[in-house]
């Protein structure tokens, strides 16, 4: 996947590196689909998605997520810093 800017596109290709990614579930009816930004981390040699449900943090293998991905995302340019 290409990092940065307007050139990014949704892809069914799962992340191959740690970072922040847009993720859109496609295994639900269209009216239930939503997008979210997920953190993907390298843990014990595998990529896992960080999810915090308020009562504890869970790590799920990226391979469990079926949908479309976009990223890794880059932080916005700080215009005040120049």
PDB file of N, CA and C in Angstrom:
ATOM      1  N   UNK A   1       0.832  -1.179   0.000  1.00  0.00           N
ATOM      2  CA  UNK A   1       0.000   0.000   0.000  1.00  0.00           C
ATOM      3  C   UNK A   1       0.872   1.235   0.000  1.00  0.00           C
ATOM      4  N   UNK A   2       0.383   2.245  -0.623  1.00  0.00           N
ATOM      5  CA  UNK A   2       1.138   3.487  -0.710  1.00  0.00           C
ATOM      6  C   UNK A   2       0.807   4.372   0.477  1.00  0.00           C
ATOM      7  N   UNK A   3       1.830   4.886   1.115  1.00  0.00           N
ATOM      8  CA  UNK A   3       1.610   5.751   2.265  1.00  0.00           C
ATOM      9  C   UNK A   3       1.366   7.175   1.817  1.00  0.00           C
ATOM     10  N   UNK A   4       0.462   7.845   2.508  1.00  0.00           N
ATOM     11  CA  UNK A   4       0.313   9.280   2.373  1.00  0.00           C
ATOM     12  C   UNK A   4      -0.660   9.772   1.327  1.00  0.00           C
ATOM     13  N   UNK A   5      -1.413  10.799   1.724  1.00  0.00           N
ATOM     14  CA  UNK A   5      -2.149  11.648   0.838  1.00  0.00           C
ATOM     15  C   UNK A   5      -3.282  11.075   0.025  1.00  0.00           C
ATOM     16  N   UNK A   6      -3.618  11.839  -1.020  1.00  0.00           N
ATOM     17  CA  UNK A   6      -4.777  11.543  -1.850  1.00  0.00           C
ATOM     18  C   UNK A   6      -4.585  10.312  -2.722  1.00  0.00           C
ATOM     19  N   UNK A   7      -3.364   9.803  -2.822  1.00  0.00           N
ATOM     20  CA  UNK A   7      -3.115   8.646  -3.676  1.00  0.00           C
ATOM     21  C   UNK A   7      -3.569   7.341  -3.026  1.00  0.00           C
ATOM     22  N   UNK A   8      -3.969   7.379  -1.771  1.00  0.00           N
ATOM     23  CA  UNK A   8      -4.388   6.162  -1.096  1.00  0.00           C
ATOM     24  C   UNK A   8      -5.756   5.710  -1.595  1.00  0.00           C
ATOM     25  N   UNK A   9      -5.926   4.405  -1.679  1.00  0.00           N
ATOM     26  CA  UNK A   9      -7.167   3.798  -2.125  1.00  0.00           C
ATOM     27  C   UNK A   9      -7.519   2.643  -1.196  1.00  0.00           C
ATOM     28  N   UNK A  10      -8.808   2.322  -1.094  1.00  0.00           N
ATOM     29  CA  UNK A  10      -9.240   1.144  -0.361  1.00  0.00           C
ATOM     30  C   UNK A  10      -8.722  -0.095  -1.076  1.00  0.00           C
ATOM     31  N   UNK A  11      -8.278  -1.079  -0.299  1.00  0.00           N
ATOM     32  CA  UNK A  11      -7.760  -2.311  -0.866  1.00  0.00           C
ATOM     33  C   UNK A  11      -8.089  -3.472   0.071  1.00  0.00           C
ATOM     34  N   UNK A  12      -8.379  -4.651  -0.487  1.00  0.00           N
ATOM     35  CA  UNK A  12      -8.591  -5.814   0.372  1.00  0.00           C
ATOM     36  C   UNK A  12      -7.277  -6.380   0.919  1.00  0.00           C
ATOM     37  N   UNK A  13      -6.150  -5.850   0.450  1.00  0.00           N
ATOM     38  CA  UNK A  13      -4.836  -6.317   0.902  1.00  0.00           C
ATOM     39  C   UNK A  13      -4.628  -5.917   2.365  1.00  0.00           C
ATOM     40  N   UNK A  14      -4.327  -6.901   3.189  1.00  0.00           N
ATOM     41  CA  UNK A  14      -4.132  -6.656   4.616  1.00  0.00           C
ATOM     42  C   UNK A  14      -2.781  -5.963   4.850  1.00  0.00           C
ATOM     43  N   UNK A  15      -2.660  -5.182   5.941  1.00  0.00           N
ATOM     44  CA  UNK A  15      -1.401  -4.503   6.237  1.00  0.00           C
ATOM     45  C   UNK A  15      -0.229  -5.469   6.329  1.00  0.00           C
ATOM     46  N   UNK A  16       0.917  -4.990   5.890  1.00  0.00           N
ATOM     47  CA  UNK A  16       2.151  -5.775   5.957  1.00  0.00           C
ATOM     48  C   UNK A  16       3.175  -5.144   6.901  1.00  0.00           C
ATOM     49  N   UNK A  17       2.797  -4.015   7.513  1.00  0.00           N
ATOM     50  CA  UNK A  17       3.682  -3.337   8.454  1.00  0.00           C
ATOM     51  C   UNK A  17       2.838  -2.646   9.524  1.00  0.00           C
ATOM     52  N   UNK A  18       3.473  -2.366  10.647  1.00  0.00           N
ATOM     53  CA  UNK A  18       2.794  -1.676  11.735  1.00  0.00           C
ATOM     54  C   UNK A  18       2.444  -0.253  11.313  1.00  0.00           C
ATOM     55  N   UNK A  19       1.387   0.290  11.907  1.00  0.00           N
ATOM     56  CA  UNK A  19       0.972   1.660  11.624  1.00  0.00           C
ATOM     57  C   UNK A  19      -0.505   1.838  11.914  1.00  0.00           C
ATOM     58  N   UNK A  20      -1.031   2.985  11.508  1.00  0.00           N
ATOM     59  CA  UNK A  20      -2.445   3.301  11.650  1.00  0.00           C
ATOM     60  C   UNK A  20      -3.085   3.167  10.286  1.00  0.00           C
ATOM     61  N   UNK A  21      -4.240   2.521  10.243  1.00  0.00           N
ATOM     62  CA  UNK A  21      -4.922   2.238   8.984  1.00  0.00           C
ATOM     63  C   UNK A  21      -6.413   2.528   9.097  1.00  0.00           C
ATOM     64  N   UNK A  22      -6.997   3.018   7.993  1.00  0.00           N
ATOM     65  CA  UNK A  22      -8.444   3.000   7.872  1.00  0.00           C
ATOM     66  C   UNK A  22      -8.848   1.562   7.600  1.00  0.00           C
ATOM     67  N   UNK A  23      -9.951   1.141   8.187  1.00  0.00           N
ATOM     68  CA  UNK A  23     -10.495  -0.189   7.947  1.00  0.00           C
ATOM     69  C   UNK A  23     -11.997  -0.074   7.758  1.00  0.00           C
ATOM     70  N   UNK A  24     -12.523  -0.736   6.721  1.00  0.00           N
ATOM     71  CA  UNK A  24     -13.960  -0.745   6.454  1.00  0.00           C
ATOM     72  C   UNK A  24     -14.432  -2.192   6.368  1.00  0.00           C
ATOM     73  N   UNK A  25     -15.351  -2.563   7.258  1.00  0.00           N
ATOM     74  CA  UNK A  25     -15.901  -3.927   7.222  1.00  0.00           C
ATOM     75  C   UNK A  25     -16.783  -4.078   5.991  1.00  0.00           C
ATOM     76  N   UNK A  26     -16.645  -5.199   5.324  1.00  0.00           N
ATOM     77  CA  UNK A  26     -17.474  -5.470   4.151  1.00  0.00           C
ATOM     78  C   UNK A  26     -18.284  -6.747   4.327  1.00  0.00           C
ATOM     79  N   UNK A  27     -18.205  -7.340   5.521  1.00  0.00           N
ATOM     80  CA  UNK A  27     -18.937  -8.580   5.764  1.00  0.00           C
ATOM     81  C   UNK A  27     -20.300  -8.329   6.413  1.00  0.00           C
ATOM     82  N   UNK A  28     -20.730  -7.079   6.428  1.00  0.00           N
ATOM     83  CA  UNK A  28     -22.019  -6.702   6.990  1.00  0.00           C
ATOM     84  C   UNK A  28     -22.898  -6.104   5.897  1.00  0.00           C
ATOM     85  N   UNK A  29     -24.216  -6.067   6.101  1.00  0.00           N
ATOM     86  CA  UNK A  29     -25.067  -5.379   5.134  1.00  0.00           C
ATOM     87  C   UNK A  29     -24.617  -3.918   4.977  1.00  0.00           C
ATOM     88  N   UNK A  30     -24.850  -3.351   3.815  1.00  0.00           N
ATOM     89  CA  UNK A  30     -24.364  -1.998   3.501  1.00  0.00           C
ATOM     90  C   UNK A  30     -24.790  -0.966   4.550  1.00  0.00           C
ATOM     91  N   UNK A  31     -26.002  -1.071   5.080  1.00  0.00           N
ATOM     92  CA  UNK A  31     -26.466  -0.070   6.042  1.00  0.00           C
ATOM     93  C   UNK A  31     -25.781  -0.215   7.408  1.00  0.00           C
ATOM     94  N   UNK A  32     -25.055  -1.293   7.634  1.00  0.00           N
ATOM     95  CA  UNK A  32     -24.341  -1.514   8.897  1.00  0.00           C
ATOM     96  C   UNK A  32     -22.834  -1.265   8.778  1.00  0.00           C
ATOM     97  N   UNK A  33     -22.345  -1.098   7.565  1.00  0.00           N
ATOM     98  CA  UNK A  33     -20.909  -0.926   7.373  1.00  0.00           C
ATOM     99  C   UNK A  33     -20.469   0.432   7.910  1.00  0.00           C
ATOM    100  N   UNK A  34     -19.278   0.439   8.487  1.00  0.00           N
ATOM    101  CA  UNK A  34     -18.688   1.687   8.943  1.00  0.00           C
ATOM    102  C   UNK A  34     -17.183   1.581   8.853  1.00  0.00           C
ATOM    103  N   UNK A  35     -16.537   2.723   8.878  1.00  0.00           N
ATOM    104  CA  UNK A  35     -15.084   2.767   8.797  1.00  0.00           C
ATOM    105  C   UNK A  35     -14.523   3.201  10.143  1.00  0.00           C
ATOM    106  N   UNK A  36     -13.313   2.748  10.428  1.00  0.00           N
ATOM    107  CA  UNK A  36     -12.631   3.128  11.658  1.00  0.00           C
ATOM    108  C   UNK A  36     -11.133   3.157  11.398  1.00  0.00           C
ATOM    109  N   UNK A  37     -10.431   3.934  12.200  1.00  0.00           N
ATOM    110  CA  UNK A  37      -8.972   3.933  12.146  1.00  0.00           C
ATOM    111  C   UNK A  37      -8.487   2.965  13.212  1.00  0.00           C
ATOM    112  N   UNK A  38      -7.669   1.999  12.778  1.00  0.00           N
ATOM    113  CA  UNK A  38      -7.161   0.971  13.684  1.00  0.00           C
ATOM    114  C   UNK A  38      -5.646   1.029  13.778  1.00  0.00           C
ATOM    115  N   UNK A  39      -5.122   0.723  14.960  1.00  0.00           N
ATOM    116  CA  UNK A  39      -3.682   0.632  15.162  1.00  0.00           C
ATOM    117  C   UNK A  39      -3.249  -0.816  14.943  1.00  0.00           C
ATOM    118  N   UNK A  40      -2.298  -1.004  14.044  1.00  0.00           N
ATOM    119  CA  UNK A  40      -1.732  -2.322  13.769  1.00  0.00           C
ATOM    120  C   UNK A  40      -0.316  -2.341  14.342  1.00  0.00           C
ATOM    121  N   UNK A  41      -0.036  -3.324  15.199  1.00  0.00           N
ATOM    122  CA  UNK A  41       1.272  -3.425  15.857  1.00  0.00           C
ATOM    123  C   UNK A  41       1.906  -4.782  15.566  1.00  0.00           C
ATOM    124  N   UNK A  42       3.223  -4.797  15.601  1.00  0.00           N
ATOM    125  CA  UNK A  42       3.963  -6.043  15.460  1.00  0.00           C
ATOM    126  C   UNK A  42       4.198  -6.605  16.860  1.00  0.00           C
ATOM    127  N   UNK A  43       3.595  -7.758  17.145  1.00  0.00           N
ATOM    128  CA  UNK A  43       3.711  -8.380  18.462  1.00  0.00           C
ATOM    129  C   UNK A  43       4.101  -9.838  18.272  1.00  0.00           C
ATOM    130  N   UNK A  44       5.218 -10.197  18.860  1.00  0.00           N
ATOM    131  CA  UNK A  44       5.711 -11.577  18.804  1.00  0.00           C
ATOM    132  C   UNK A  44       5.751 -12.113  17.373  1.00  0.00           C
ATOM    133  N   UNK A  45       6.247 -11.290  16.472  1.00  0.00           N
ATOM    134  CA  UNK A  45       6.443 -11.727  15.094  1.00  0.00           C
ATOM    135  C   UNK A  45       5.219 -11.689  14.208  1.00  0.00           C
ATOM    136  N   UNK A  46       4.092 -11.225  14.724  1.00  0.00           N
ATOM    137  CA  UNK A  46       2.879 -11.153  13.908  1.00  0.00           C
ATOM    138  C   UNK A  46       2.215  -9.794  14.025  1.00  0.00           C
ATOM    139  N   UNK A  47       1.444  -9.416  13.015  1.00  0.00           N
ATOM    140  CA  UNK A  47       0.722  -8.156  13.053  1.00  0.00           C
ATOM    141  C   UNK A  47      -0.625  -8.352  13.733  1.00  0.00           C
ATOM    142  N   UNK A  48      -0.900  -7.478  14.700  1.00  0.00           N
ATOM    143  CA  UNK A  48      -2.146  -7.575  15.463  1.00  0.00           C
ATOM    144  C   UNK A  48      -2.804  -6.202  15.539  1.00  0.00           C
ATOM    145  N   UNK A  49      -4.126  -6.220  15.628  1.00  0.00           N
ATOM    146  CA  UNK A  49      -4.906  -4.996  15.738  1.00  0.00           C
ATOM    147  C   UNK A  49      -5.210  -4.735  17.205  1.00  0.00           C
ATOM    148  N   UNK A  50      -4.944  -3.505  17.639  1.00  0.00           N
ATOM    149  CA  UNK A  50      -5.189  -3.078  19.011  1.00  0.00           C
ATOM    150  C   UNK A  50      -6.641  -2.623  19.125  1.00  0.00           C
ATOM    151  N   UNK A  51      -7.371  -3.185  20.072  1.00  0.00           N
ATOM    152  CA  UNK A  51      -8.738  -2.749  20.341  1.00  0.00           C
ATOM    153  C   UNK A  51      -8.905  -2.562  21.835  1.00  0.00           C
ATOM    154  N   UNK A  52      -9.421  -1.413  22.213  1.00  0.00           N
ATOM    155  CA  UNK A  52      -9.638  -1.085  23.625  1.00  0.00           C
ATOM    156  C   UNK A  52     -11.136  -0.920  23.842  1.00  0.00           C
ATOM    157  N   UNK A  53     -11.734  -1.816  24.593  1.00  0.00           N
ATOM    158  CA  UNK A  53     -13.167  -1.788  24.846  1.00  0.00           C
ATOM    159  C   UNK A  53     -13.511  -1.118  26.172  1.00  0.00           C
ATOM    160  N   UNK A  54     -12.546  -0.435  26.786  1.00  0.00           N
ATOM    161  CA  UNK A  54     -12.793   0.246  28.049  1.00  0.00           C
ATOM    162  C   UNK A  54     -12.542  -0.622  29.263  1.00  0.00           C
ATOM    163  N   UNK A  55     -12.731  -1.924  29.119  1.00  0.00           N
ATOM    164  CA  UNK A  55     -12.500  -2.815  30.253  1.00  0.00           C
ATOM    165  C   UNK A  55     -11.253  -3.669  30.031  1.00  0.00           C
ATOM    166  N   UNK A  56     -10.479  -3.319  29.045  1.00  0.00           N
ATOM    167  CA  UNK A  56      -9.243  -4.048  28.771  1.00  0.00           C
ATOM    168  C   UNK A  56      -8.875  -3.967  27.301  1.00  0.00           C
ATOM    169  N   UNK A  57      -7.608  -4.123  27.046  1.00  0.00           N
ATOM    170  CA  UNK A  57      -7.093  -4.069  25.685  1.00  0.00           C
ATOM    171  C   UNK A  57      -7.012  -5.471  25.114  1.00  0.00           C
ATOM    172  N   UNK A  58      -7.473  -5.629  23.893  1.00  0.00           N
ATOM    173  CA  UNK A  58      -7.400  -6.911  23.205  1.00  0.00           C
ATOM    174  C   UNK A  58      -6.552  -6.753  21.955  1.00  0.00           C
ATOM    175  N   UNK A  59      -5.855  -7.817  21.593  1.00  0.00           N
ATOM    176  CA  UNK A  59      -5.046  -7.850  20.373  1.00  0.00           C
ATOM    177  C   UNK A  59      -5.555  -8.988  19.507  1.00  0.00           C
ATOM    178  N   UNK A  60      -5.960  -8.669  18.285  1.00  0.00           N
ATOM    179  CA  UNK A  60      -6.481  -9.673  17.365  1.00  0.00           C
ATOM    180  C   UNK A  60      -5.586  -9.734  16.136  1.00  0.00           C
ATOM    181  N   UNK A  61      -5.276 -10.913  15.643  1.00  0.00           N
ATOM    182  CA  UNK A  61      -4.468 -11.018  14.424  1.00  0.00           C
ATOM    183  C   UNK A  61      -5.142 -10.307  13.242  1.00  0.00           C
ATOM    184  N   UNK A  62      -4.349  -9.624  12.448  1.00  0.00           N
ATOM    185  CA  UNK A  62      -4.847  -8.907  11.271  1.00  0.00           C
ATOM    186  C   UNK A  62      -5.629  -9.849  10.363  1.00  0.00           C
ATOM    187  N   UNK A  63      -5.207 -11.110  10.292  1.00  0.00           N
ATOM    188  CA  UNK A  63      -5.863 -12.064   9.387  1.00  0.00           C
ATOM    189  C   UNK A  63      -7.333 -12.280   9.726  1.00  0.00           C
ATOM    190  N   UNK A  64      -7.766 -11.913  10.943  1.00  0.00           N
ATOM    191  CA  UNK A  64      -9.166 -12.073  11.337  1.00  0.00           C
ATOM    192  C   UNK A  64     -10.062 -10.962  10.791  1.00  0.00           C
ATOM    193  N   UNK A  65      -9.476  -9.909  10.242  1.00  0.00           N
ATOM    194  CA  UNK A  65     -10.240  -8.752   9.783  1.00  0.00           C
ATOM    195  C   UNK A  65     -10.474  -8.848   8.283  1.00  0.00           C
ATOM    196  N   UNK A  66     -11.737  -9.000   7.908  1.00  0.00           N
ATOM    197  CA  UNK A  66     -12.101  -9.078   6.503  1.00  0.00           C
ATOM    198  C   UNK A  66     -12.786  -7.782   6.103  1.00  0.00           C
ATOM    199  N   UNK A  67     -12.211  -7.130   5.131  1.00  0.00           N
ATOM    200  CA  UNK A  67     -12.756  -5.865   4.679  1.00  0.00           C
ATOM    201  C   UNK A  67     -11.747  -5.151   3.818  1.00  0.00           C
ATOM    202  N   UNK A  68     -11.851  -3.841   3.806  1.00  0.00           N
ATOM    203  CA  UNK A  68     -10.968  -3.010   2.997  1.00  0.00           C
ATOM    204  C   UNK A  68     -10.075  -2.187   3.910  1.00  0.00           C
ATOM    205  N   UNK A  69      -8.829  -2.024   3.487  1.00  0.00           N
ATOM    206  CA  UNK A  69      -7.828  -1.299   4.246  1.00  0.00           C
ATOM    207  C   UNK A  69      -7.318  -0.110   3.433  1.00  0.00           C
ATOM    208  N   UNK A  70      -6.844   0.909   4.130  1.00  0.00           N
ATOM    209  CA  UNK A  70      -6.208   2.057   3.491  1.00  0.00           C
ATOM    210  C   UNK A  70      -5.126   2.567   4.447  1.00  0.00           C
ATOM    211  N   UNK A  71      -3.898   2.614   3.983  1.00  0.00           N
ATOM    212  CA  UNK A  71      -2.819   3.091   4.845  1.00  0.00           C
ATOM    213  C   UNK A  71      -1.503   2.445   4.502  1.00  0.00           C
ATOM    214  N   UNK A  72      -0.496   2.602   5.334  1.00  0.00           N
ATOM    215  CA  UNK A  72      -0.537   3.242   6.647  1.00  0.00           C
ATOM    216  C   UNK A  72      -0.729   4.747   6.517  1.00  0.00           C
ATOM    217  N   UNK A  73      -1.372   5.333   7.518  1.00  0.00           N
ATOM    218  CA  UNK A  73      -1.659   6.764   7.524  1.00  0.00           C
ATOM    219  C   UNK A  73      -0.464   7.538   8.050  1.00  0.00           C
ATOM    220  N   UNK A  74      -0.285   8.719   7.505  1.00  0.00           N
ATOM    221  CA  UNK A  74       0.753   9.617   8.000  1.00  0.00           C
ATOM    222  C   UNK A  74       0.073  10.719   8.793  1.00  0.00           C
ATOM    223  N   UNK A  75       0.716  11.189   9.875  1.00  0.00           N
ATOM    224  CA  UNK A  75       0.112  12.301  10.626  1.00  0.00           C
ATOM    225  C   UNK A  75       0.049  13.539   9.758  1.00  0.00           C
ATOM    226  N   UNK A  76      -0.916  14.423  10.005  1.00  0.00           N
ATOM    227  CA  UNK A  76      -1.010  15.635   9.206  1.00  0.00           C
ATOM    228  C   UNK A  76       0.209  16.522   9.408  1.00  0.00           C
ATOM    229  N   UNK A  77       0.521  17.288   8.390  1.00  0.00           N
ATOM    230  CA  UNK A  77       1.631  18.240   8.473  1.00  0.00           C
ATOM    231  C   UNK A  77       1.253  19.343   9.437  1.00  0.00           C
ATOM    232  N   UNK A  78       2.142  19.667  10.370  1.00  0.00           N
ATOM    233  CA  UNK A  78       1.897  20.735  11.348  1.00  0.00           C
ATOM    234  C   UNK A  78       2.184  22.063  10.673  1.00  0.00           C
ATOM    235  N   UNK A  79       1.147  22.770  10.260  1.00  0.00           N
ATOM    236  CA  UNK A  79       1.313  24.017   9.527  1.00  0.00           C
ATOM    237  C   UNK A  79       1.952  25.109  10.372  1.00  0.00           C
ATOM    238  N   UNK A  80       1.724  25.091  11.693  1.00  0.00           N
ATOM    239  CA  UNK A  80       2.312  26.099  12.554  1.00  0.00           C
ATOM    240  C   UNK A  80       3.813  25.929  12.681  1.00  0.00           C
ATOM    241  N   UNK A  81       4.292  24.695  12.561  1.00  0.00           N
ATOM    242  CA  UNK A  81       5.725  24.428  12.687  1.00  0.00           C
ATOM    243  C   UNK A  81       6.466  24.758  11.389  1.00  0.00           C
ATOM    244  N   UNK A  82       5.734  24.943  10.301  1.00  0.00           N
ATOM    245  CA  UNK A  82       6.366  25.310   9.036  1.00  0.00           C
ATOM    246  C   UNK A  82       6.555  24.185   8.178  1.00  0.00           C
TER     247      UNK A  82
END
